[in-house]
Amino acid sequence: MNATTITKTVFLDAPREVVWDFLTKKDKLARWFHPAEQDLKEGADYTLLDQRGDMSRICWGTVLEMRPFESLVYTFTVKPLNGAMTTVRWNLKEAAGGTQLTLSHEGIEQAAGEAAFAMLSALDSGWDEHFGRLRKEAMARVEA
């Protein structure tokens, strides 16, 4: 990992199986991240849609690895990167009756070139917002 890798860890009040569904199932992805055209599948391309706009493609890539309830790795790009791919890695660990979820988002500097800091800053802020929604969704699942 280098200084331009975004790394975030959150603790969620939900078992790993539930958190896994929030990372991979299209109906759950829409609740905290972006609507997906389909559930994520290893080796398959995925597309996430802009629910605040015209439901156009907002981010996309290919699922590289799925180890259920443990880790998920996919390539990731957004419109400003003009198709240059980055890599997102998710790791799930049991933690005191809940789940420790760690995100590593790497390759941003290489993908963004001269706009690297602006892109790092935007993605860093975006992940914070998404994690806030994921916390609420995981808690709502527990309270329901």
C-alpha atoms as a PDB file:
ATOM      1  CA  MET A   1       0.000   0.000   0.000  1.00  0.00           C
ATOM      2  CA  ASN A   2       1.234   3.476  -0.752  1.00  0.00           C
ATOM      3  CA  ALA A   3       0.299   6.954   0.451  1.00  0.00           C
ATOM      4  CA  THR A   4      -2.355   7.289  -2.229  1.00  0.00           C
ATOM      5  CA  THR A   5      -4.331   4.199  -1.210  1.00  0.00           C
ATOM      6  CA  ILE A   6      -7.584   5.059   0.540  1.00  0.00           C
ATOM      7  CA  THR A   7      -8.018   2.735   3.514  1.00  0.00           C
ATOM      8  CA  LYS A   8     -11.062   2.837   5.791  1.00  0.00           C
ATOM      9  CA  THR A   9     -12.291   0.530   8.514  1.00  0.00           C
ATOM     10  CA  VAL A  10     -15.766   0.516  10.046  1.00  0.00           C
ATOM     11  CA  PHE A  11     -17.428  -1.660  12.639  1.00  0.00           C
ATOM     12  CA  LEU A  12     -20.952  -2.779  11.788  1.00  0.00           C
ATOM     13  CA  ASP A  13     -23.537  -4.214  14.134  1.00  0.00           C
ATOM     14  CA  ALA A  14     -24.312  -7.134  11.840  1.00  0.00           C
ATOM     15  CA  PRO A  15     -22.814 -10.574  11.132  1.00  0.00           C
ATOM     16  CA  ARG A  16     -20.445 -10.986   8.165  1.00  0.00           C
ATOM     17  CA  GLU A  17     -23.125 -12.809   6.143  1.00  0.00           C
ATOM     18  CA  VAL A  18     -25.381  -9.752   6.317  1.00  0.00           C
ATOM     19  CA  VAL A  19     -22.561  -7.319   5.499  1.00  0.00           C
ATOM     20  CA  TRP A  20     -21.579  -9.552   2.560  1.00  0.00           C
ATOM     21  CA  ASP A  21     -25.094  -9.191   1.138  1.00  0.00           C
ATOM     22  CA  PHE A  22     -24.797  -5.376   1.410  1.00  0.00           C
ATOM     23  CA  LEU A  23     -21.588  -5.583  -0.670  1.00  0.00           C
ATOM     24  CA  THR A  24     -22.803  -8.015  -3.331  1.00  0.00           C
ATOM     25  CA  LYS A  25     -26.620  -8.014  -3.729  1.00  0.00           C
ATOM     26  CA  LYS A  26     -28.138  -5.437  -6.042  1.00  0.00           C
ATOM     27  CA  ASP A  27     -31.092  -4.610  -3.782  1.00  0.00           C
ATOM     28  CA  LYS A  28     -28.781  -4.067  -0.788  1.00  0.00           C
ATOM     29  CA  LEU A  29     -26.158  -2.087  -2.769  1.00  0.00           C
ATOM     30  CA  ALA A  30     -28.884   0.393  -3.724  1.00  0.00           C
ATOM     31  CA  ARG A  31     -29.632   1.101  -0.065  1.00  0.00           C
ATOM     32  CA  TRP A  32     -26.165   2.426   0.825  1.00  0.00           C
ATOM     33  CA  PHE A  33     -24.048   2.783  -2.326  1.00  0.00           C
ATOM     34  CA  HIS A  34     -25.614   2.830  -5.814  1.00  0.00           C
ATOM     35  CA  PRO A  35     -28.206   0.652  -7.540  1.00  0.00           C
ATOM     36  CA  ALA A  36     -26.623  -2.243  -9.415  1.00  0.00           C
ATOM     37  CA  GLU A  37     -27.880  -3.767 -12.641  1.00  0.00           C
ATOM     38  CA  GLN A  38     -27.424  -7.244 -11.102  1.00  0.00           C
ATOM     39  CA  ASP A  39     -25.875  -9.038  -8.128  1.00  0.00           C
ATOM     40  CA  LEU A  40     -22.073  -9.084  -8.220  1.00  0.00           C
ATOM     41  CA  LYS A  41     -20.578 -12.321  -9.554  1.00  0.00           C
ATOM     42  CA  GLU A  42     -16.933 -13.379  -9.686  1.00  0.00           C
ATOM     43  CA  GLY A  43     -15.463 -12.903 -13.162  1.00  0.00           C
ATOM     44  CA  ALA A  44     -18.403 -10.765 -14.324  1.00  0.00           C
ATOM     45  CA  ASP A  45     -18.611  -7.093 -15.168  1.00  0.00           C
ATOM     46  CA  TYR A  46     -20.839  -4.919 -13.005  1.00  0.00           C
ATOM     47  CA  THR A  47     -22.480  -1.519 -13.435  1.00  0.00           C
ATOM     48  CA  LEU A  48     -23.735   0.802 -10.707  1.00  0.00           C
ATOM     49  CA  LEU A  49     -26.278   3.483 -11.585  1.00  0.00           C
ATOM     50  CA  ASP A  50     -26.677   7.148 -10.628  1.00  0.00           C
ATOM     51  CA  GLN A  51     -29.896   7.229  -8.612  1.00  0.00           C
ATOM     52  CA  ARG A  52     -29.670  11.016  -8.139  1.00  0.00           C
ATOM     53  CA  GLY A  53     -29.724  11.614 -11.872  1.00  0.00           C
ATOM     54  CA  ASP A  54     -30.960   9.785 -14.919  1.00  0.00           C
ATOM     55  CA  MET A  55     -29.949   6.268 -13.719  1.00  0.00           C
ATOM     56  CA  SER A  56     -26.965   6.372 -16.089  1.00  0.00           C
ATOM     57  CA  ARG A  57     -23.784   4.409 -15.386  1.00  0.00           C
ATOM     58  CA  ILE A  58     -21.897   6.057 -12.495  1.00  0.00           C
ATOM     59  CA  CYS A  59     -19.247   3.416 -11.740  1.00  0.00           C
ATOM     60  CA  TRP A  60     -18.328   0.069 -13.216  1.00  0.00           C
ATOM     61  CA  GLY A  61     -15.688  -2.615 -13.427  1.00  0.00           C
ATOM     62  CA  THR A  62     -15.123  -6.357 -13.135  1.00  0.00           C
ATOM     63  CA  VAL A  63     -15.391  -8.572 -10.068  1.00  0.00           C
ATOM     64  CA  LEU A  64     -11.984 -10.235  -9.718  1.00  0.00           C
ATOM     65  CA  GLU A  65     -12.431 -12.301  -6.563  1.00  0.00           C
ATOM     66  CA  MET A  66     -15.248 -13.278  -4.214  1.00  0.00           C
ATOM     67  CA  ARG A  67     -14.526 -15.227  -1.023  1.00  0.00           C
ATOM     68  CA  PRO A  68     -17.956 -15.165   0.657  1.00  0.00           C
ATOM     69  CA  PHE A  69     -18.028 -13.517   4.073  1.00  0.00           C
ATOM     70  CA  GLU A  70     -14.247 -12.860   3.901  1.00  0.00           C
ATOM     71  CA  SER A  71     -13.160 -10.724   0.937  1.00  0.00           C
ATOM     72  CA  LEU A  72     -14.265  -9.112  -2.293  1.00  0.00           C
ATOM     73  CA  VAL A  73     -12.023  -7.534  -4.950  1.00  0.00           C
ATOM     74  CA  TYR A  74     -13.104  -5.646  -8.054  1.00  0.00           C
ATOM     75  CA  THR A  75     -11.819  -3.143 -10.562  1.00  0.00           C
ATOM     76  CA  PHE A  76     -13.528   0.216 -10.260  1.00  0.00           C
ATOM     77  CA  THR A  77     -13.813   3.343 -12.356  1.00  0.00           C
ATOM     78  CA  VAL A  78     -16.003   6.430 -12.490  1.00  0.00           C
ATOM     79  CA  LYS A  79     -16.744   8.824 -15.342  1.00  0.00           C
ATOM     80  CA  PRO A  80     -13.975  11.346 -14.443  1.00  0.00           C
ATOM     81  CA  LEU A  81     -11.354   8.570 -14.777  1.00  0.00           C
ATOM     82  CA  ASN A  82     -12.312   8.041 -18.440  1.00  0.00           C
ATOM     83  CA  GLY A  83     -12.220   4.256 -18.129  1.00  0.00           C
ATOM     84  CA  ALA A  84      -8.894   4.010 -16.256  1.00  0.00           C
ATOM     85  CA  MET A  85      -9.335   1.281 -13.644  1.00  0.00           C
ATOM     86  CA  THR A  86      -8.553   1.304  -9.930  1.00  0.00           C
ATOM     87  CA  THR A  87      -8.905  -1.612  -7.494  1.00  0.00           C
ATOM     88  CA  VAL A  88     -11.273  -1.871  -4.531  1.00  0.00           C
ATOM     89  CA  ARG A  89     -10.685  -4.557  -1.890  1.00  0.00           C
ATOM     90  CA  TRP A  90     -13.095  -5.367   0.925  1.00  0.00           C
ATOM     91  CA  ASN A  91     -12.113  -7.509   3.934  1.00  0.00           C
ATOM     92  CA  LEU A  92     -14.633  -8.735   6.490  1.00  0.00           C
ATOM     93  CA  LYS A  93     -13.643 -10.003   9.946  1.00  0.00           C
ATOM     94  CA  GLU A  94     -15.701 -10.991  12.948  1.00  0.00           C
ATOM     95  CA  ALA A  95     -15.407  -8.381  15.695  1.00  0.00           C
ATOM     96  CA  ALA A  96     -17.066  -8.596  19.120  1.00  0.00           C
ATOM     97  CA  GLY A  97     -20.369  -9.899  17.775  1.00  0.00           C
ATOM     98  CA  GLY A  98     -20.378  -7.682  14.690  1.00  0.00           C
ATOM     99  CA  THR A  99     -18.210  -7.175  11.620  1.00  0.00           C
ATOM    100  CA  GLN A 100     -15.032  -5.212  11.022  1.00  0.00           C
ATOM    101  CA  LEU A 101     -15.167  -4.089   7.384  1.00  0.00           C
ATOM    102  CA  THR A 102     -12.032  -2.692   5.773  1.00  0.00           C
ATOM    103  CA  LEU A 103     -11.905  -0.985   2.376  1.00  0.00           C
ATOM    104  CA  SER A 104      -8.684  -0.461   0.403  1.00  0.00           C
ATOM    105  CA  HIS A 105      -9.033   1.576  -2.779  1.00  0.00           C
ATOM    106  CA  GLU A 106      -5.779   1.666  -4.739  1.00  0.00           C
ATOM    107  CA  GLY A 107      -4.426   2.745  -8.106  1.00  0.00           C
ATOM    108  CA  ILE A 108      -6.113   6.160  -8.021  1.00  0.00           C
ATOM    109  CA  GLU A 109      -2.943   8.165  -8.592  1.00  0.00           C
ATOM    110  CA  GLN A 110      -2.023   6.131 -11.672  1.00  0.00           C
ATOM    111  CA  ALA A 111      -5.562   6.316 -13.045  1.00  0.00           C
ATOM    112  CA  ALA A 112      -6.115  10.031 -12.441  1.00  0.00           C
ATOM    113  CA  GLY A 113      -2.695  11.393 -13.436  1.00  0.00           C
ATOM    114  CA  GLU A 114      -2.451  15.154 -12.841  1.00  0.00           C
ATOM    115  CA  ALA A 115      -5.915  15.183 -11.243  1.00  0.00           C
ATOM    116  CA  ALA A 116      -4.855  12.578  -8.644  1.00  0.00           C
ATOM    117  CA  PHE A 117      -5.264  14.693  -5.514  1.00  0.00           C
ATOM    118  CA  ALA A 118      -8.693  15.987  -6.528  1.00  0.00           C
ATOM    119  CA  MET A 119      -9.815  12.433  -7.321  1.00  0.00           C
ATOM    120  CA  LEU A 120      -8.370  11.041  -4.054  1.00  0.00           C
ATOM    121  CA  SER A 121     -10.146  13.758  -2.108  1.00  0.00           C
ATOM    122  CA  ALA A 122     -13.475  13.188  -3.889  1.00  0.00           C
ATOM    123  CA  LEU A 123     -13.342   9.398  -3.488  1.00  0.00           C
ATOM    124  CA  ASP A 124     -12.240   9.676   0.162  1.00  0.00           C
ATOM    125  CA  SER A 125     -15.213  11.915   0.935  1.00  0.00           C
ATOM    126  CA  GLY A 126     -17.562   9.715  -1.089  1.00  0.00           C
ATOM    127  CA  TRP A 127     -16.544   6.560   0.772  1.00  0.00           C
ATOM    128  CA  ASP A 128     -17.183   8.369   4.087  1.00  0.00           C
ATOM    129  CA  GLU A 129     -20.723   9.225   2.976  1.00  0.00           C
ATOM    130  CA  HIS A 130     -21.402   5.684   1.766  1.00  0.00           C
ATOM    131  CA  PHE A 131     -20.052   4.159   4.992  1.00  0.00           C
ATOM    132  CA  GLY A 132     -22.374   6.412   7.000  1.00  0.00           C
ATOM    133  CA  ARG A 133     -25.349   5.038   5.072  1.00  0.00           C
ATOM    134  CA  LEU A 134     -24.065   1.470   5.403  1.00  0.00           C
ATOM    135  CA  ARG A 135     -23.860   1.876   9.200  1.00  0.00           C
ATOM    136  CA  LYS A 136     -27.489   3.062   9.292  1.00  0.00           C
ATOM    137  CA  GLU A 137     -28.657   0.212   7.053  1.00  0.00           C
ATOM    138  CA  ALA A 138     -26.825  -2.414   9.126  1.00  0.00           C
ATOM    139  CA  MET A 139     -28.334  -0.952  12.312  1.00  0.00           C
ATOM    140  CA  ALA A 140     -31.825  -0.843  10.762  1.00  0.00           C
ATOM    141  CA  ARG A 141     -31.475  -4.520   9.914  1.00  0.00           C
ATOM    142  CA  VAL A 142     -30.669  -5.293  13.557  1.00  0.00           C
ATOM    143  CA  GLU A 143     -33.556  -3.186  14.910  1.00  0.00           C
ATOM    144  CA  ALA A 144     -36.126  -4.599  12.484  1.00  0.00           C
END
